[in-house]
Amino acid sequence: MKYSKEEVMQYVAEEDVKFIRLAFCDVFGKQKNISIMPDELPRALEDGIAFDASAVAGFGDEKRSDLFLHPQTDTLAPLPWRPEHGRVVRMLCDITYPDGTPFECDTRNLLKKAVADAEAAGVSFSFGAEQEFYLFELDENEEKTDKPYDTAGYMDIAPEDKGENIRREICLTLEQMGISPESSHHEEGPGQNEIDFRYSDALAAADNAQTFQTVVRTVAKRNGLYADFSPKPIDGAPGNGFHINISVKPETDGKFEAMIAGILDHVRSMTAFLDPTDASYRRLGVMKAPGYVSWSHENRSQLVRIPAAVGEYRRAELRSPDPGANPYLAFALMIRAGLDGIKRGLTLPEPADFNLFHAGAEVLDRYKKLPGDLAAAKRAATKSEFIRGVLPEQIIRIFCE
């Protein structure tokens, strides 16, 4: 819901709100927050709240440590798992220097700028996120064990699927926060689950993806479980993907195809940001996770899949990212790559309408490979003129050095 400053103040007073969490994330997408009391809210909305940036990964050092959080009123949401009396709400924040200059490593602002540049070019992008996660049992000390919550398979149902009620609680919690999940089901791995989101604008989609992981972890812990979003929780089992669906409006003059061509053209240099850990590369190239730069209709062995849908549901699905990616950074890069493809009028290569996992070497040699490890992905990023043109040097340095 879109709130004005006055409506936020009224909501806090009428709903017995006692704590306001000012939320943001570091450059890697790890969520952070500061809690303030209602009496501090007018100051926060007017001037911002200072915090020590030197203690946040990638945000600076002791020589220039003060940054300010500016809560965005249209992101106000209750935290349903907190008490009804003395309620807790959260607002996402923009980050600035003390003089009001936007902080260059505020990835949410980077996404805002990408959206604004797309609008200036006469196009808009929409996103839908699909995140996978595993549920593991906890031991008597509430520490994660290696035992998955169940042994169910793809789209199995209860009683084999023990995660059914957990997913239900997650979806209902998200709805209480004003976030609309679209569907949920058990995935292929033991204890593996997936919840998908409805299409929305880029910023809302990234905000929801960021909030989603917090909600999942919270609900899992309340049920005596551990939610694992890492790329490869179990060797020999499917990894966790963060499949990102993207569409562009208008689609006239081949914009949809040019958008996909732009993403394919730059995906190797983007991979360090889409798959930012060493474990990411144990997932890529096996068990439906792509390893080559390719596309096709409906084919889940490819990097980009164009699902069977028409009209407003027509979209392209990028299948290489994993949940370790910062959604603001991932969406911003996809918009920039798509915009570049549209501006240059790129055309798609021929579709790879076959199963890449069963193809012979003479076929695979025709396709570029995604980086095989994190070091190779970092090298591809640092050599890329595209990456240097769309990301601040400080972020490139943080990820790649």
Protein backbone atom coordinates (compact mmCIF):
# COMPACT_ATOMS: atom_id res chain seq x y z
CA MET A 1 0.00 0.00 0.00
CA LYS A 2 1.22 3.50 -0.81
CA TYR A 3 1.43 5.61 2.35
CA SER A 4 2.21 9.32 2.66
CA LYS A 5 4.28 10.63 5.59
CA GLU A 6 1.12 11.76 7.34
CA GLU A 7 -0.53 8.37 6.82
CA VAL A 8 2.53 6.59 8.23
CA MET A 9 2.39 8.73 11.37
CA GLN A 10 -1.33 8.03 11.69
CA TYR A 11 -0.83 4.28 11.14
CA VAL A 12 1.86 4.12 13.84
CA ALA A 13 -0.38 5.91 16.33
CA GLU A 14 -3.59 3.98 15.59
CA GLU A 15 -2.05 0.50 15.28
CA ASP A 16 -0.09 0.61 18.57
CA VAL A 17 3.28 0.47 16.79
CA LYS A 18 6.18 0.57 19.25
CA PHE A 19 9.14 -0.23 17.02
CA ILE A 20 9.94 0.85 13.45
CA ARG A 21 12.65 -1.12 11.68
CA LEU A 22 14.58 0.89 9.11
CA ALA A 23 15.74 -1.82 6.72
CA PHE A 24 18.42 -1.85 4.01
CA CYS A 25 20.90 -4.32 2.59
CA ASP A 26 24.65 -4.40 2.04
CA VAL A 27 26.11 -4.73 -1.44
CA PHE A 28 25.77 -8.52 -1.31
CA GLY A 29 22.05 -8.32 -0.50
CA LYS A 30 22.30 -9.26 3.20
CA GLN A 31 19.50 -7.48 5.02
CA LYS A 32 20.30 -5.07 7.87
CA ASN A 33 18.15 -2.84 10.03
CA ILE A 34 18.01 -0.27 12.82
CA SER A 35 14.99 -0.12 15.12
CA ILE A 36 13.70 3.27 16.23
CA MET A 37 10.89 4.29 18.57
CA PRO A 38 7.80 6.15 17.32
CA ASP A 39 9.02 9.45 18.79
CA GLU A 40 11.99 9.31 16.40
CA LEU A 41 9.87 8.73 13.31
CA PRO A 42 9.33 12.44 12.37
CA ARG A 43 13.10 12.99 12.40
CA ALA A 44 13.69 9.86 10.37
CA LEU A 45 11.18 10.93 7.74
CA GLU A 46 12.49 14.48 7.58
CA ASP A 47 16.27 14.18 7.95
CA GLY A 48 17.12 10.48 8.03
CA ILE A 49 18.84 8.40 10.71
CA ALA A 50 22.63 8.12 10.82
CA PHE A 51 24.45 4.80 11.14
CA ASP A 52 28.05 3.56 11.19
CA ALA A 53 28.72 2.40 7.63
CA SER A 54 32.23 1.19 8.44
CA ALA A 55 30.71 -1.86 10.12
CA VAL A 56 28.74 -2.90 7.02
CA ALA A 57 30.48 -5.00 4.38
CA GLY A 58 31.54 -2.86 1.43
CA PHE A 59 30.13 0.40 2.80
CA GLY A 60 33.32 2.21 3.76
CA ASP A 61 35.89 2.57 6.50
CA GLU A 62 36.44 4.57 9.68
CA LYS A 63 37.66 7.63 7.77
CA ARG A 64 34.23 8.27 6.22
CA SER A 65 31.81 6.18 8.19
CA ASP A 66 28.59 8.20 8.57
CA LEU A 67 25.70 7.42 6.24
CA PHE A 68 22.00 8.21 6.58
CA LEU A 69 18.93 6.00 6.20
CA HIS A 70 15.84 7.61 4.67
CA PRO A 71 12.72 5.42 5.13
CA GLN A 72 10.49 5.12 2.07
CA THR A 73 6.90 5.43 3.23
CA ASP A 74 5.48 3.34 0.39
CA THR A 75 7.33 0.29 1.75
CA LEU A 76 5.66 0.30 5.18
CA ALA A 77 4.68 -3.22 6.20
CA PRO A 78 3.84 -4.91 9.51
CA LEU A 79 5.93 -7.84 10.72
CA PRO A 80 3.15 -10.35 11.43
CA TRP A 81 5.32 -12.63 13.55
CA ARG A 82 5.83 -9.87 16.13
CA PRO A 83 3.31 -9.21 18.96
CA GLU A 84 -0.12 -7.72 18.17
CA HIS A 85 0.27 -5.25 21.05
CA GLY A 86 3.37 -3.12 20.71
CA ARG A 87 3.53 -3.93 17.01
CA VAL A 88 6.64 -3.84 14.86
CA VAL A 89 6.68 -2.46 11.30
CA ARG A 90 9.43 -2.07 8.76
CA MET A 91 10.26 0.43 6.05
CA LEU A 92 12.93 0.02 3.39
CA CYS A 93 15.39 2.87 3.13
CA ASP A 94 17.41 4.89 0.67
CA ILE A 95 20.99 5.60 1.75
CA THR A 96 22.79 8.94 1.42
CA TYR A 97 25.92 10.72 2.56
CA PRO A 98 25.42 13.41 5.25
CA ASP A 99 25.06 16.09 2.55
CA GLY A 100 22.17 14.20 0.93
CA THR A 101 24.16 12.80 -2.00
CA PRO A 102 23.01 9.26 -2.85
CA PHE A 103 25.43 6.58 -1.66
CA GLU A 104 26.92 4.86 -4.70
CA CYS A 105 26.80 1.39 -3.11
CA ASP A 106 23.08 1.61 -2.34
CA THR A 107 21.99 -1.13 -4.74
CA ARG A 108 18.30 -0.28 -4.32
CA ASN A 109 19.08 3.17 -5.70
CA LEU A 110 21.06 1.60 -8.56
CA LEU A 111 17.90 -0.27 -9.53
CA LYS A 112 15.85 2.94 -9.29
CA LYS A 113 18.27 4.63 -11.70
CA ALA A 114 18.09 1.71 -14.14
CA VAL A 115 14.28 1.88 -14.09
CA ALA A 116 14.38 5.65 -14.68
CA ASP A 117 16.78 5.27 -17.62
CA ALA A 118 14.53 2.61 -19.13
CA GLU A 119 11.53 4.91 -18.83
CA ALA A 120 13.52 7.71 -20.48
CA ALA A 121 14.18 5.30 -23.35
CA GLY A 122 10.45 4.63 -23.65
CA VAL A 123 10.32 1.10 -22.23
CA SER A 124 9.40 -0.53 -18.95
CA PHE A 125 10.40 -3.86 -17.49
CA SER A 126 8.44 -6.18 -15.23
CA PHE A 127 9.83 -9.01 -13.09
CA GLY A 128 8.64 -12.20 -11.46
CA ALA A 129 10.89 -14.10 -9.08
CA GLU A 130 11.07 -17.83 -8.36
CA GLN A 131 13.24 -18.74 -5.39
CA GLU A 132 14.06 -22.26 -4.21
CA PHE A 133 15.10 -23.26 -0.70
CA TYR A 134 15.69 -26.38 1.38
CA LEU A 135 14.22 -27.10 4.81
CA PHE A 136 16.46 -28.93 7.28
CA GLU A 137 15.72 -30.17 10.77
CA LEU A 138 17.36 -28.54 13.81
CA ASP A 139 19.13 -30.35 16.64
CA GLU A 140 18.46 -29.95 20.36
CA ASN A 141 20.57 -26.76 20.36
CA GLU A 142 18.52 -25.31 17.48
CA GLU A 143 21.45 -25.69 15.11
CA LYS A 144 21.02 -26.90 11.52
CA THR A 145 21.46 -30.60 10.88
CA ASP A 146 22.11 -32.36 7.57
CA LYS A 147 18.70 -34.07 7.71
CA PRO A 148 16.18 -32.70 5.17
CA TYR A 149 12.67 -32.12 6.47
CA ASP A 150 11.23 -34.72 4.07
CA THR A 151 12.13 -37.02 1.20
CA ALA A 152 9.38 -35.90 -1.18
CA GLY A 153 9.96 -35.13 -4.86
CA TYR A 154 8.71 -32.67 -7.48
CA MET A 155 5.16 -31.46 -6.79
CA ASP A 156 4.48 -34.34 -4.40
CA ILE A 157 1.67 -33.88 -1.88
CA ALA A 158 1.20 -34.62 1.81
CA PRO A 159 1.96 -36.77 3.68
CA GLU A 160 5.19 -37.22 1.67
CA ASP A 161 5.44 -33.43 1.33
CA LYS A 162 5.90 -32.19 4.89
CA GLY A 163 6.59 -28.65 3.69
CA GLU A 164 2.99 -28.02 2.63
CA ASN A 165 1.95 -26.30 5.87
CA ILE A 166 5.22 -24.37 6.06
CA ARG A 167 4.69 -22.96 2.56
CA ARG A 168 1.09 -22.11 3.47
CA GLU A 169 2.25 -20.18 6.54
CA ILE A 170 4.89 -18.37 4.48
CA CYS A 171 2.34 -17.34 1.84
CA LEU A 172 -0.18 -16.13 4.43
CA THR A 173 2.53 -14.15 6.23
CA LEU A 174 3.56 -12.51 2.96
CA GLU A 175 -0.06 -11.59 2.24
CA GLN A 176 -0.32 -9.92 5.65
CA MET A 177 2.64 -7.78 4.57
CA GLY A 178 0.92 -6.79 1.32
CA ILE A 179 3.00 -9.17 -0.83
CA SER A 180 1.20 -11.49 -3.27
CA PRO A 181 2.73 -14.91 -3.89
CA GLU A 182 1.46 -16.67 -7.00
CA SER A 183 2.09 -20.36 -6.40
CA SER A 184 4.09 -22.79 -4.27
CA HIS A 185 5.11 -26.44 -4.48
CA HIS A 186 7.64 -29.04 -3.43
CA GLU A 187 10.71 -29.11 -5.63
CA GLU A 188 12.84 -32.05 -6.80
CA GLY A 189 15.30 -32.22 -3.91
CA PRO A 190 14.54 -33.76 -0.49
CA GLY A 191 13.16 -30.96 1.67
CA GLN A 192 13.34 -28.53 -1.29
CA ASN A 193 10.56 -26.00 -1.88
CA GLU A 194 9.70 -23.18 -4.26
CA ILE A 195 7.41 -20.15 -3.99
CA ASP A 196 6.79 -17.92 -7.01
CA PHE A 197 5.67 -14.29 -7.16
CA ARG A 198 3.26 -12.42 -9.39
CA TYR A 199 4.68 -10.03 -11.95
CA SER A 200 5.32 -6.50 -10.73
CA ASP A 201 7.52 -3.51 -11.45
CA ALA A 202 11.25 -3.97 -10.93
CA LEU A 203 11.57 -2.18 -7.59
CA ALA A 204 8.57 -3.88 -5.99
CA ALA A 205 9.76 -7.27 -7.28
CA ALA A 206 13.23 -6.76 -5.79
CA ASP A 207 11.77 -5.53 -2.49
CA ASN A 208 9.57 -8.63 -2.36
CA ALA A 209 12.44 -10.98 -3.20
CA GLN A 210 14.50 -9.38 -0.43
CA THR A 211 11.64 -9.65 2.08
CA PHE A 212 10.85 -13.21 1.02
CA GLN A 213 14.04 -14.73 2.39
CA THR A 214 13.53 -13.05 5.76
CA VAL A 215 9.96 -14.35 5.99
CA VAL A 216 10.96 -17.89 4.97
CA ARG A 217 13.77 -18.05 7.52
CA THR A 218 11.53 -16.65 10.25
CA VAL A 219 8.63 -19.04 9.58
CA ALA A 220 11.00 -22.00 9.30
CA LYS A 221 12.65 -21.20 12.65
CA ARG A 222 9.23 -20.85 14.31
CA ASN A 223 8.51 -24.38 13.15
CA GLY A 224 11.80 -25.82 14.38
CA LEU A 225 13.43 -25.85 10.96
CA TYR A 226 16.30 -24.19 9.10
CA ALA A 227 15.70 -22.62 5.68
CA ASP A 228 18.76 -22.96 3.43
CA PHE A 229 18.99 -20.71 0.35
CA SER A 230 22.57 -21.66 -0.51
CA PRO A 231 23.22 -22.72 -4.13
CA LYS A 232 24.08 -26.36 -3.40
CA PRO A 233 22.93 -27.49 0.06
CA ILE A 234 23.26 -31.23 -0.73
CA ASP A 235 25.89 -32.72 -3.04
CA GLY A 236 24.23 -34.93 -5.63
CA ALA A 237 20.86 -33.18 -5.26
CA PRO A 238 19.44 -30.24 -7.24
CA GLY A 239 20.74 -26.80 -6.30
CA ASN A 240 18.68 -23.77 -5.35
CA GLY A 241 17.90 -21.43 -8.22
CA PHE A 242 16.68 -17.84 -8.28
CA HIS A 243 14.91 -17.92 -11.64
CA ILE A 244 14.15 -14.39 -12.81
CA ASN A 245 11.32 -13.76 -15.26
CA ILE A 246 11.51 -10.50 -17.21
CA SER A 247 9.23 -8.83 -19.75
CA VAL A 248 9.36 -5.52 -21.61
CA LYS A 249 6.68 -3.09 -22.75
CA PRO A 250 6.05 -2.17 -25.47
CA GLU A 251 7.11 -5.27 -27.39
CA THR A 252 6.91 -3.54 -30.77
CA ASP A 253 9.82 -3.52 -33.24
CA GLY A 254 11.32 -6.69 -31.81
CA LYS A 255 12.07 -5.20 -28.38
CA PHE A 256 11.36 -8.48 -26.58
CA GLU A 257 13.82 -10.42 -28.71
CA ALA A 258 16.41 -7.62 -28.56
CA MET A 259 16.10 -7.57 -24.75
CA ILE A 260 16.87 -11.28 -24.55
CA ALA A 261 19.75 -10.89 -27.02
CA GLY A 262 21.23 -8.15 -24.81
CA ILE A 263 21.05 -10.36 -21.72
CA LEU A 264 22.68 -13.25 -23.59
CA ASP A 265 25.39 -10.91 -24.88
CA HIS A 266 26.36 -9.72 -21.38
CA VAL A 267 25.47 -12.65 -19.16
CA ARG A 268 29.02 -13.98 -18.81
CA SER A 269 30.24 -10.64 -17.46
CA MET A 270 27.18 -10.46 -15.15
CA THR A 271 27.67 -13.92 -13.68
CA ALA A 272 29.90 -12.84 -10.78
CA PHE A 273 26.96 -10.78 -9.48
CA LEU A 274 24.24 -13.34 -10.30
CA ASP A 275 26.18 -16.27 -8.82
CA PRO A 276 28.42 -14.64 -6.20
CA THR A 277 29.83 -17.58 -4.20
CA ASP A 278 32.16 -20.50 -4.83
CA ALA A 279 29.26 -22.87 -4.16
CA SER A 280 27.32 -21.25 -7.02
CA TYR A 281 29.54 -23.02 -9.54
CA ARG A 282 28.85 -26.47 -8.09
CA ARG A 283 25.23 -25.86 -9.12
CA LEU A 284 25.74 -24.51 -12.64
CA GLY A 285 25.86 -27.02 -15.49
CA VAL A 286 24.16 -29.92 -13.70
CA MET A 287 20.58 -30.99 -12.87
CA LYS A 288 18.79 -28.43 -15.06
CA ALA A 289 21.02 -25.53 -13.98
CA PRO A 290 22.47 -24.02 -17.18
CA GLY A 291 26.12 -24.11 -18.12
CA TYR A 292 26.05 -22.58 -21.62
CA VAL A 293 24.88 -19.30 -23.15
CA SER A 294 21.80 -20.43 -25.03
CA TRP A 295 18.04 -19.96 -25.26
CA SER A 296 14.98 -21.88 -26.33
CA HIS A 297 11.22 -22.08 -26.00
CA GLU A 298 10.03 -24.12 -23.01
CA ASN A 299 13.39 -25.94 -22.71
CA ARG A 300 14.67 -26.10 -19.13
CA SER A 301 18.21 -27.13 -20.10
CA GLN A 302 18.89 -23.66 -21.52
CA LEU A 303 20.13 -20.45 -19.91
CA VAL A 304 17.11 -18.45 -21.10
CA ARG A 305 13.74 -20.11 -21.47
CA ILE A 306 10.72 -18.48 -23.10
CA PRO A 307 7.77 -20.23 -21.43
CA ALA A 308 4.59 -21.09 -23.28
CA ALA A 309 2.56 -17.93 -22.63
CA VAL A 310 0.99 -15.16 -24.66
CA GLY A 311 -0.04 -11.53 -24.26
CA GLU A 312 0.68 -9.98 -20.86
CA TYR A 313 2.21 -13.28 -19.64
CA ARG A 314 4.90 -13.42 -22.32
CA ARG A 315 8.27 -13.40 -20.61
CA ALA A 316 11.83 -14.67 -20.63
CA GLU A 317 13.20 -16.69 -17.73
CA LEU A 318 16.88 -16.35 -16.82
CA ARG A 319 17.82 -19.60 -15.06
CA SER A 320 21.43 -19.09 -13.99
CA PRO A 321 21.12 -16.85 -10.87
CA ASP A 322 20.95 -18.38 -7.41
CA PRO A 323 19.42 -16.98 -4.19
CA GLY A 324 22.80 -15.65 -3.05
CA ALA A 325 22.41 -12.82 -5.59
CA ASN A 326 21.43 -9.33 -4.44
CA PRO A 327 18.04 -8.92 -6.20
CA TYR A 328 18.46 -5.15 -6.65
CA LEU A 329 21.80 -5.66 -8.38
CA ALA A 330 20.56 -8.62 -10.43
CA PHE A 331 17.48 -6.79 -11.71
CA ALA A 332 19.45 -3.61 -12.43
CA LEU A 333 21.99 -5.56 -14.51
CA MET A 334 19.25 -7.35 -16.45
CA ILE A 335 17.56 -4.04 -17.23
CA ARG A 336 20.86 -2.52 -18.38
CA ALA A 337 21.67 -5.53 -20.55
CA GLY A 338 18.16 -5.60 -21.99
CA LEU A 339 18.29 -1.87 -22.71
CA ASP A 340 21.63 -2.28 -24.44
CA GLY A 341 20.20 -5.03 -26.63
CA ILE A 342 17.23 -2.83 -27.56
CA LYS A 343 19.36 0.24 -28.30
CA ARG A 344 21.75 -1.78 -30.48
CA GLY A 345 18.93 -3.68 -32.18
CA LEU A 346 20.47 -7.05 -31.37
CA THR A 347 18.93 -10.18 -32.84
CA LEU A 348 18.61 -13.56 -31.22
CA PRO A 349 20.76 -16.47 -32.42
CA GLU A 350 19.02 -19.68 -33.43
CA PRO A 351 17.24 -21.40 -30.51
CA ALA A 352 18.89 -24.44 -28.99
CA ASP A 353 15.86 -26.75 -29.21
CA PHE A 354 17.53 -29.80 -27.72
CA ASN A 355 18.69 -31.07 -24.34
CA LEU A 356 22.10 -29.56 -23.69
CA PHE A 357 22.81 -32.12 -20.96
CA HIS A 358 22.65 -34.92 -23.55
CA ALA A 359 24.40 -33.09 -26.40
CA GLY A 360 27.73 -34.20 -27.80
CA ALA A 361 30.95 -32.19 -27.77
CA GLU A 362 30.62 -31.20 -31.43
CA VAL A 363 27.30 -29.51 -30.62
CA LEU A 364 28.37 -27.91 -27.34
CA ASP A 365 31.45 -26.41 -28.97
CA ARG A 366 29.14 -24.03 -30.85
CA TYR A 367 28.07 -22.35 -27.60
CA LYS A 368 29.90 -20.10 -25.17
CA LYS A 369 30.16 -21.48 -21.65
CA LEU A 370 29.23 -19.65 -18.48
CA PRO A 371 32.26 -19.09 -16.21
CA GLY A 372 33.26 -22.36 -14.58
CA ASP A 373 34.20 -20.92 -11.21
CA LEU A 374 34.02 -17.68 -9.26
CA ALA A 375 37.53 -16.59 -10.24
CA ALA A 376 36.66 -16.87 -13.94
CA ALA A 377 33.42 -14.97 -13.36
CA LYS A 378 35.32 -12.16 -11.64
CA ARG A 379 37.79 -11.96 -14.52
CA ALA A 380 34.93 -11.71 -17.01
CA ALA A 381 33.37 -8.88 -14.97
CA THR A 382 36.55 -6.83 -14.59
CA LYS A 383 37.33 -7.07 -18.32
CA SER A 384 33.83 -6.00 -19.36
CA GLU A 385 33.26 -2.49 -20.69
CA PHE A 386 29.55 -3.07 -20.15
CA ILE A 387 30.00 -3.75 -16.42
CA ARG A 388 32.31 -0.75 -16.00
CA GLY A 389 29.70 1.40 -17.71
CA VAL A 390 26.73 0.39 -15.54
CA LEU A 391 28.16 -0.30 -12.08
CA PRO A 392 30.14 1.98 -9.74
CA GLU A 393 33.82 1.11 -9.54
CA GLN A 394 33.48 0.54 -5.81
CA ILE A 395 30.92 -2.24 -6.27
CA ILE A 396 33.00 -3.92 -8.98
CA ARG A 397 36.02 -3.79 -6.68
CA ILE A 398 34.08 -5.22 -3.72
CA PHE A 399 32.76 -8.17 -5.74
CA CYS A 400 35.81 -8.86 -7.88
CA GLU A 401 38.83 -8.10 -5.71
